[in-house]
Amino acid sequence: RWALKHRDRRYVYLLVISIVGVYPMTLLELLDFSPIWSLLDAHSLWHLSTIPFTFIMYEGILRDLEHEALHEQQKNSV
């Protein structure tokens, strides 16, 4: 709902990708398989696959904070 309300902001896609992108990775949890080389199993790959989405969300949050700070600064200067 927030993304639809603020879709005019250029960075909203980062936050949407970070949330929606994790959903296909849940297949690793559902389609469990035996460990490869006694090291990598579906659960470990699930955790590994979520790492990039954390950085994407962090970038989106930083951009939103910058946007809000600039907006607040402009509001106070008027």
PDB file of N, CA and C in Angstrom:
ATOM      1  N   ARG A   1       0.826  -1.182   0.000  1.00  0.00           N
ATOM      2  CA  ARG A   1       0.000   0.000   0.000  1.00  0.00           C
ATOM      3  C   ARG A   1       0.879   1.257   0.000  1.00  0.00           C
ATOM      4  N   TRP A   2       1.952   1.232   0.800  1.00  0.00           N
ATOM      5  CA  TRP A   2       2.841   2.389   0.864  1.00  0.00           C
ATOM      6  C   TRP A   2       3.478   2.661  -0.503  1.00  0.00           C
ATOM      7  N   ALA A   3       3.904   1.597  -1.183  1.00  0.00           N
ATOM      8  CA  ALA A   3       4.558   1.752  -2.486  1.00  0.00           C
ATOM      9  C   ALA A   3       3.606   2.356  -3.510  1.00  0.00           C
ATOM     10  N   LEU A   4       2.364   1.974  -3.469  1.00  0.00           N
ATOM     11  CA  LEU A   4       1.387   2.559  -4.392  1.00  0.00           C
ATOM     12  C   LEU A   4       1.149   4.032  -4.080  1.00  0.00           C
ATOM     13  N   LYS A   5       1.088   4.358  -2.817  1.00  0.00           N
ATOM     14  CA  LYS A   5       0.861   5.748  -2.403  1.00  0.00           C
ATOM     15  C   LYS A   5       2.034   6.649  -2.804  1.00  0.00           C
ATOM     16  N   HIS A   6       3.247   6.111  -2.747  1.00  0.00           N
ATOM     17  CA  HIS A   6       4.455   6.906  -3.020  1.00  0.00           C
ATOM     18  C   HIS A   6       5.136   6.491  -4.323  1.00  0.00           C
ATOM     19  N   ARG A   7       4.399   5.998  -5.271  1.00  0.00           N
ATOM     20  CA  ARG A   7       4.997   5.494  -6.513  1.00  0.00           C
ATOM     21  C   ARG A   7       5.689   6.571  -7.336  1.00  0.00           C
ATOM     22  N   ASP A   8       5.486   7.849  -7.018  1.00  0.00           N
ATOM     23  CA  ASP A   8       6.166   8.923  -7.732  1.00  0.00           C
ATOM     24  C   ASP A   8       7.635   9.045  -7.318  1.00  0.00           C
ATOM     25  N   ARG A   9       8.007   8.431  -6.218  1.00  0.00           N
ATOM     26  CA  ARG A   9       9.404   8.463  -5.775  1.00  0.00           C
ATOM     27  C   ARG A   9      10.191   7.434  -6.580  1.00  0.00           C
ATOM     28  N   ARG A  10      11.336   7.842  -7.088  1.00  0.00           N
ATOM     29  CA  ARG A  10      12.098   7.022  -8.034  1.00  0.00           C
ATOM     30  C   ARG A  10      12.702   5.757  -7.414  1.00  0.00           C
ATOM     31  N   TYR A  11      12.825   5.691  -6.123  1.00  0.00           N
ATOM     32  CA  TYR A  11      13.491   4.577  -5.459  1.00  0.00           C
ATOM     33  C   TYR A  11      12.524   3.533  -4.914  1.00  0.00           C
ATOM     34  N   VAL A  12      11.237   3.730  -5.071  1.00  0.00           N
ATOM     35  CA  VAL A  12      10.252   2.798  -4.513  1.00  0.00           C
ATOM     36  C   VAL A  12      10.445   1.392  -5.063  1.00  0.00           C
ATOM     37  N   TYR A  13      10.903   1.291  -6.300  1.00  0.00           N
ATOM     38  CA  TYR A  13      11.116  -0.030  -6.896  1.00  0.00           C
ATOM     39  C   TYR A  13      12.104  -0.864  -6.077  1.00  0.00           C
ATOM     40  N   LEU A  14      13.068  -0.224  -5.425  1.00  0.00           N
ATOM     41  CA  LEU A  14      14.030  -0.959  -4.598  1.00  0.00           C
ATOM     42  C   LEU A  14      13.330  -1.661  -3.434  1.00  0.00           C
ATOM     43  N   LEU A  15      12.417  -0.950  -2.814  1.00  0.00           N
ATOM     44  CA  LEU A  15      11.707  -1.537  -1.686  1.00  0.00           C
ATOM     45  C   LEU A  15      10.765  -2.640  -2.144  1.00  0.00           C
ATOM     46  N   VAL A  16      10.131  -2.453  -3.288  1.00  0.00           N
ATOM     47  CA  VAL A  16       9.237  -3.480  -3.822  1.00  0.00           C
ATOM     48  C   VAL A  16      10.032  -4.737  -4.190  1.00  0.00           C
ATOM     49  N   ILE A  17      11.172  -4.553  -4.849  1.00  0.00           N
ATOM     50  CA  ILE A  17      12.016  -5.698  -5.218  1.00  0.00           C
ATOM     51  C   ILE A  17      12.482  -6.449  -3.972  1.00  0.00           C
ATOM     52  N   SER A  18      12.850  -5.707  -2.929  1.00  0.00           N
ATOM     53  CA  SER A  18      13.360  -6.369  -1.727  1.00  0.00           C
ATOM     54  C   SER A  18      12.296  -7.189  -1.024  1.00  0.00           C
ATOM     55  N   ILE A  19      11.048  -6.826  -1.176  1.00  0.00           N
ATOM     56  CA  ILE A  19       9.967  -7.579  -0.532  1.00  0.00           C
ATOM     57  C   ILE A  19       9.473  -8.695  -1.440  1.00  0.00           C
ATOM     58  N   VAL A  20       9.143  -8.354  -2.675  1.00  0.00           N
ATOM     59  CA  VAL A  20       8.585  -9.337  -3.604  1.00  0.00           C
ATOM     60  C   VAL A  20       9.647 -10.340  -4.052  1.00  0.00           C
ATOM     61  N   GLY A  21      10.883  -9.921  -4.128  1.00  0.00           N
ATOM     62  CA  GLY A  21      11.946 -10.799  -4.596  1.00  0.00           C
ATOM     63  C   GLY A  21      12.230 -11.980  -3.686  1.00  0.00           C
ATOM     64  N   VAL A  22      11.898 -11.855  -2.427  1.00  0.00           N
ATOM     65  CA  VAL A  22      12.147 -12.935  -1.484  1.00  0.00           C
ATOM     66  C   VAL A  22      11.137 -14.076  -1.673  1.00  0.00           C
ATOM     67  N   TYR A  23       9.953 -13.765  -2.156  1.00  0.00           N
ATOM     68  CA  TYR A  23       8.910 -14.793  -2.286  1.00  0.00           C
ATOM     69  C   TYR A  23       9.321 -15.988  -3.142  1.00  0.00           C
ATOM     70  N   PRO A  24       9.915 -15.804  -4.313  1.00  0.00           N
ATOM     71  CA  PRO A  24      10.333 -16.994  -5.071  1.00  0.00           C
ATOM     72  C   PRO A  24      11.385 -17.823  -4.337  1.00  0.00           C
ATOM     73  N   MET A  25      12.159 -17.175  -3.497  1.00  0.00           N
ATOM     74  CA  MET A  25      13.188 -17.902  -2.761  1.00  0.00           C
ATOM     75  C   MET A  25      12.588 -18.847  -1.721  1.00  0.00           C
ATOM     76  N   THR A  26      11.336 -18.631  -1.343  1.00  0.00           N
ATOM     77  CA  THR A  26      10.703 -19.533  -0.383  1.00  0.00           C
ATOM     78  C   THR A  26      10.530 -20.937  -0.964  1.00  0.00           C
ATOM     79  N   LEU A  27      10.634 -21.049  -2.275  1.00  0.00           N
ATOM     80  CA  LEU A  27      10.593 -22.377  -2.880  1.00  0.00           C
ATOM     81  C   LEU A  27      11.733 -23.255  -2.366  1.00  0.00           C
ATOM     82  N   LEU A  28      12.837 -22.629  -2.004  1.00  0.00           N
ATOM     83  CA  LEU A  28      13.942 -23.402  -1.427  1.00  0.00           C
ATOM     84  C   LEU A  28      13.531 -24.041  -0.103  1.00  0.00           C
ATOM     85  N   GLU A  29      12.650 -23.379   0.620  1.00  0.00           N
ATOM     86  CA  GLU A  29      12.143 -23.943   1.865  1.00  0.00           C
ATOM     87  C   GLU A  29      11.127 -25.042   1.591  1.00  0.00           C
ATOM     88  N   LEU A  30      10.305 -24.835   0.582  1.00  0.00           N
ATOM     89  CA  LEU A  30       9.240 -25.796   0.285  1.00  0.00           C
ATOM     90  C   LEU A  30       9.738 -27.023  -0.471  1.00  0.00           C
ATOM     91  N   LEU A  31      10.674 -26.806  -1.386  1.00  0.00           N
ATOM     92  CA  LEU A  31      11.195 -27.903  -2.203  1.00  0.00           C
ATOM     93  C   LEU A  31      12.535 -28.361  -1.646  1.00  0.00           C
ATOM     94  N   ASP A  32      12.477 -28.930  -0.495  1.00  0.00           N
ATOM     95  CA  ASP A  32      13.689 -29.354   0.202  1.00  0.00           C
ATOM     96  C   ASP A  32      14.412 -30.452  -0.587  1.00  0.00           C
ATOM     97  N   PHE A  33      15.732 -30.452  -0.528  1.00  0.00           N
ATOM     98  CA  PHE A  33      16.522 -31.482  -1.203  1.00  0.00           C
ATOM     99  C   PHE A  33      17.697 -31.873  -0.314  1.00  0.00           C
ATOM    100  N   SER A  34      18.271 -32.986  -0.626  1.00  0.00           N
ATOM    101  CA  SER A  34      19.405 -33.497   0.148  1.00  0.00           C
ATOM    102  C   SER A  34      20.610 -32.572  -0.004  1.00  0.00           C
ATOM    103  N   PRO A  35      21.453 -32.537   1.022  1.00  0.00           N
ATOM    104  CA  PRO A  35      22.635 -31.677   0.953  1.00  0.00           C
ATOM    105  C   PRO A  35      23.576 -32.035  -0.196  1.00  0.00           C
ATOM    106  N   ILE A  36      24.149 -31.011  -0.788  1.00  0.00           N
ATOM    107  CA  ILE A  36      25.144 -31.172  -1.840  1.00  0.00           C
ATOM    108  C   ILE A  36      26.512 -31.059  -1.171  1.00  0.00           C
ATOM    109  N   TRP A  37      27.371 -32.002  -1.396  1.00  0.00           N
ATOM    110  CA  TRP A  37      28.704 -32.042  -0.785  1.00  0.00           C
ATOM    111  C   TRP A  37      28.620 -31.995   0.743  1.00  0.00           C
ATOM    112  N   SER A  38      27.549 -32.468   1.298  1.00  0.00           N
ATOM    113  CA  SER A  38      27.302 -32.450   2.753  1.00  0.00           C
ATOM    114  C   SER A  38      27.425 -31.044   3.338  1.00  0.00           C
ATOM    115  N   LEU A  39      27.152 -30.065   2.516  1.00  0.00           N
ATOM    116  CA  LEU A  39      27.333 -28.679   2.953  1.00  0.00           C
ATOM    117  C   LEU A  39      26.137 -27.802   2.631  1.00  0.00           C
ATOM    118  N   LEU A  40      25.677 -27.831   1.401  1.00  0.00           N
ATOM    119  CA  LEU A  40      24.607 -26.935   0.958  1.00  0.00           C
ATOM    120  C   LEU A  40      23.286 -27.689   0.862  1.00  0.00           C
ATOM    121  N   ASP A  41      22.349 -27.271   1.659  1.00  0.00           N
ATOM    122  CA  ASP A  41      21.007 -27.819   1.525  1.00  0.00           C
ATOM    123  C   ASP A  41      20.045 -26.679   1.216  1.00  0.00           C
ATOM    124  N   ALA A  42      18.787 -27.000   1.056  1.00  0.00           N
ATOM    125  CA  ALA A  42      17.799 -25.987   0.667  1.00  0.00           C
ATOM    126  C   ALA A  42      17.709 -24.866   1.691  1.00  0.00           C
ATOM    127  N   HIS A  43      17.780 -25.216   2.952  1.00  0.00           N
ATOM    128  CA  HIS A  43      17.655 -24.194   3.991  1.00  0.00           C
ATOM    129  C   HIS A  43      18.843 -23.230   3.985  1.00  0.00           C
ATOM    130  N   SER A  44      20.033 -23.733   3.815  1.00  0.00           N
ATOM    131  CA  SER A  44      21.202 -22.842   3.774  1.00  0.00           C
ATOM    132  C   SER A  44      21.169 -21.952   2.537  1.00  0.00           C
ATOM    133  N   LEU A  45      20.712 -22.492   1.417  1.00  0.00           N
ATOM    134  CA  LEU A  45      20.587 -21.670   0.212  1.00  0.00           C
ATOM    135  C   LEU A  45      19.493 -20.622   0.356  1.00  0.00           C
ATOM    136  N   TRP A  46      18.461 -20.939   1.108  1.00  0.00           N
ATOM    137  CA  TRP A  46      17.409 -19.940   1.396  1.00  0.00           C
ATOM    138  C   TRP A  46      18.027 -18.747   2.119  1.00  0.00           C
ATOM    139  N   HIS A  47      18.811 -19.014   3.149  1.00  0.00           N
ATOM    140  CA  HIS A  47      19.448 -17.918   3.882  1.00  0.00           C
ATOM    141  C   HIS A  47      20.427 -17.157   2.995  1.00  0.00           C
ATOM    142  N   LEU A  48      21.183 -17.844   2.193  1.00  0.00           N
ATOM    143  CA  LEU A  48      22.125 -17.198   1.288  1.00  0.00           C
ATOM    144  C   LEU A  48      21.403 -16.302   0.274  1.00  0.00           C
ATOM    145  N   SER A  49      20.265 -16.752  -0.220  1.00  0.00           N
ATOM    146  CA  SER A  49      19.537 -15.991  -1.246  1.00  0.00           C
ATOM    147  C   SER A  49      18.900 -14.723  -0.696  1.00  0.00           C
ATOM    148  N   THR A  50      18.700 -14.622   0.604  1.00  0.00           N
ATOM    149  CA  THR A  50      18.077 -13.419   1.166  1.00  0.00           C
ATOM    150  C   THR A  50      19.075 -12.272   1.372  1.00  0.00           C
ATOM    151  N   ILE A  51      20.353 -12.557   1.315  1.00  0.00           N
ATOM    152  CA  ILE A  51      21.366 -11.529   1.576  1.00  0.00           C
ATOM    153  C   ILE A  51      21.279 -10.356   0.594  1.00  0.00           C
ATOM    154  N   PRO A  52      21.220 -10.575  -0.722  1.00  0.00           N
ATOM    155  CA  PRO A  52      21.157  -9.431  -1.630  1.00  0.00           C
ATOM    156  C   PRO A  52      19.932  -8.539  -1.405  1.00  0.00           C
ATOM    157  N   PHE A  53      18.826  -9.147  -1.018  1.00  0.00           N
ATOM    158  CA  PHE A  53      17.618  -8.363  -0.802  1.00  0.00           C
ATOM    159  C   PHE A  53      17.744  -7.443   0.413  1.00  0.00           C
ATOM    160  N   THR A  54      18.570  -7.819   1.368  1.00  0.00           N
ATOM    161  CA  THR A  54      18.828  -6.962   2.520  1.00  0.00           C
ATOM    162  C   THR A  54      19.529  -5.681   2.083  1.00  0.00           C
ATOM    163  N   PHE A  55      20.515  -5.806   1.210  1.00  0.00           N
ATOM    164  CA  PHE A  55      21.232  -4.628   0.724  1.00  0.00           C
ATOM    165  C   PHE A  55      20.336  -3.750  -0.149  1.00  0.00           C
ATOM    166  N   ILE A  56      19.481  -4.364  -0.939  1.00  0.00           N
ATOM    167  CA  ILE A  56      18.553  -3.601  -1.781  1.00  0.00           C
ATOM    168  C   ILE A  56      17.587  -2.813  -0.904  1.00  0.00           C
ATOM    169  N   MET A  57      17.051  -3.452   0.126  1.00  0.00           N
ATOM    170  CA  MET A  57      16.125  -2.757   1.021  1.00  0.00           C
ATOM    171  C   MET A  57      16.837  -1.632   1.773  1.00  0.00           C
ATOM    172  N   TYR A  58      18.053  -1.884   2.204  1.00  0.00           N
ATOM    173  CA  TYR A  58      18.818  -0.866   2.920  1.00  0.00           C
ATOM    174  C   TYR A  58      19.021   0.377   2.049  1.00  0.00           C
ATOM    175  N   GLU A  59      19.349   0.169   0.779  1.00  0.00           N
ATOM    176  CA  GLU A  59      19.513   1.299  -0.145  1.00  0.00           C
ATOM    177  C   GLU A  59      18.203   2.064  -0.307  1.00  0.00           C
ATOM    178  N   GLY A  60      17.097   1.352  -0.415  1.00  0.00           N
ATOM    179  CA  GLY A  60      15.791   2.004  -0.531  1.00  0.00           C
ATOM    180  C   GLY A  60      15.450   2.812   0.704  1.00  0.00           C
ATOM    181  N   ILE A  61      15.765   2.266   1.880  1.00  0.00           N
ATOM    182  CA  ILE A  61      15.496   2.990   3.127  1.00  0.00           C
ATOM    183  C   ILE A  61      16.350   4.245   3.218  1.00  0.00           C
ATOM    184  N   LEU A  62      17.622   4.145   2.840  1.00  0.00           N
ATOM    185  CA  LEU A  62      18.491   5.333   2.857  1.00  0.00           C
ATOM    186  C   LEU A  62      17.963   6.426   1.933  1.00  0.00           C
ATOM    187  N   ARG A  63      17.545   6.035   0.738  1.00  0.00           N
ATOM    188  CA  ARG A  63      17.008   7.025  -0.199  1.00  0.00           C
ATOM    189  C   ARG A  63      15.722   7.658   0.326  1.00  0.00           C
ATOM    190  N   ASP A  64      14.897   6.867   0.997  1.00  0.00           N
ATOM    191  CA  ASP A  64      13.670   7.413   1.560  1.00  0.00           C
ATOM    192  C   ASP A  64      13.982   8.387   2.689  1.00  0.00           C
ATOM    193  N   LEU A  65      14.958   8.052   3.526  1.00  0.00           N
ATOM    194  CA  LEU A  65      15.348   8.965   4.595  1.00  0.00           C
ATOM    195  C   LEU A  65      15.892  10.278   4.031  1.00  0.00           C
ATOM    196  N   GLU A  66      16.688  10.204   2.967  1.00  0.00           N
ATOM    197  CA  GLU A  66      17.191  11.419   2.329  1.00  0.00           C
ATOM    198  C   GLU A  66      16.040  12.251   1.775  1.00  0.00           C
ATOM    199  N   HIS A  67      15.087  11.591   1.155  1.00  0.00           N
ATOM    200  CA  HIS A  67      13.928  12.284   0.598  1.00  0.00           C
ATOM    201  C   HIS A  67      13.130  12.985   1.703  1.00  0.00           C
ATOM    202  N   GLU A  68      12.880  12.267   2.791  1.00  0.00           N
ATOM    203  CA  GLU A  68      12.115  12.841   3.899  1.00  0.00           C
ATOM    204  C   GLU A  68      12.869  13.993   4.561  1.00  0.00           C
ATOM    205  N   ALA A  69      14.181  13.871   4.720  1.00  0.00           N
ATOM    206  CA  ALA A  69      14.980  14.940   5.327  1.00  0.00           C
ATOM    207  C   ALA A  69      14.953  16.184   4.447  1.00  0.00           C
ATOM    208  N   LEU A  70      15.086  15.994   3.139  1.00  0.00           N
ATOM    209  CA  LEU A  70      15.035  17.129   2.216  1.00  0.00           C
ATOM    210  C   LEU A  70      13.660  17.779   2.247  1.00  0.00           C
ATOM    211  N   HIS A  71      12.620  16.970   2.266  1.00  0.00           N
ATOM    212  CA  HIS A  71      11.258  17.488   2.320  1.00  0.00           C
ATOM    213  C   HIS A  71      11.030  18.283   3.601  1.00  0.00           C
ATOM    214  N   GLU A  72      11.517  17.770   4.719  1.00  0.00           N
ATOM    215  CA  GLU A  72      11.374  18.460   6.005  1.00  0.00           C
ATOM    216  C   GLU A  72      12.162  19.766   6.009  1.00  0.00           C
ATOM    217  N   GLN A  73      13.345  19.744   5.410  1.00  0.00           N
ATOM    218  CA  GLN A  73      14.166  20.947   5.347  1.00  0.00           C
ATOM    219  C   GLN A  73      13.480  22.016   4.501  1.00  0.00           C
ATOM    220  N   GLN A  74      12.908  21.633   3.375  1.00  0.00           N
ATOM    221  CA  GLN A  74      12.196  22.584   2.523  1.00  0.00           C
ATOM    222  C   GLN A  74      10.959  23.123   3.234  1.00  0.00           C
ATOM    223  N   LYS A  75      10.286  22.279   3.998  1.00  0.00           N
ATOM    224  CA  LYS A  75       9.083  22.681   4.723  1.00  0.00           C
ATOM    225  C   LYS A  75       9.423  23.712   5.794  1.00  0.00           C
ATOM    226  N   ASN A  76      10.553  23.511   6.481  1.00  0.00           N
ATOM    227  CA  ASN A  76      10.948  24.419   7.533  1.00  0.00           C
ATOM    228  C   ASN A  76      11.514  25.736   7.018  1.00  0.00           C
ATOM    229  N   SER A  77      12.017  25.754   5.792  1.00  0.00           N
ATOM    230  CA  SER A  77      12.607  26.986   5.253  1.00  0.00           C
ATOM    231  C   SER A  77      11.558  27.923   4.673  1.00  0.00           C
ATOM    232  N   VAL A  78      10.339  27.442   4.522  1.00  0.00           N
ATOM    233  CA  VAL A  78       9.268  28.290   3.954  1.00  0.00           C
ATOM    234  C   VAL A  78       8.597  29.085   5.016  1.00  0.00           C
TER     235      VAL A  78
END
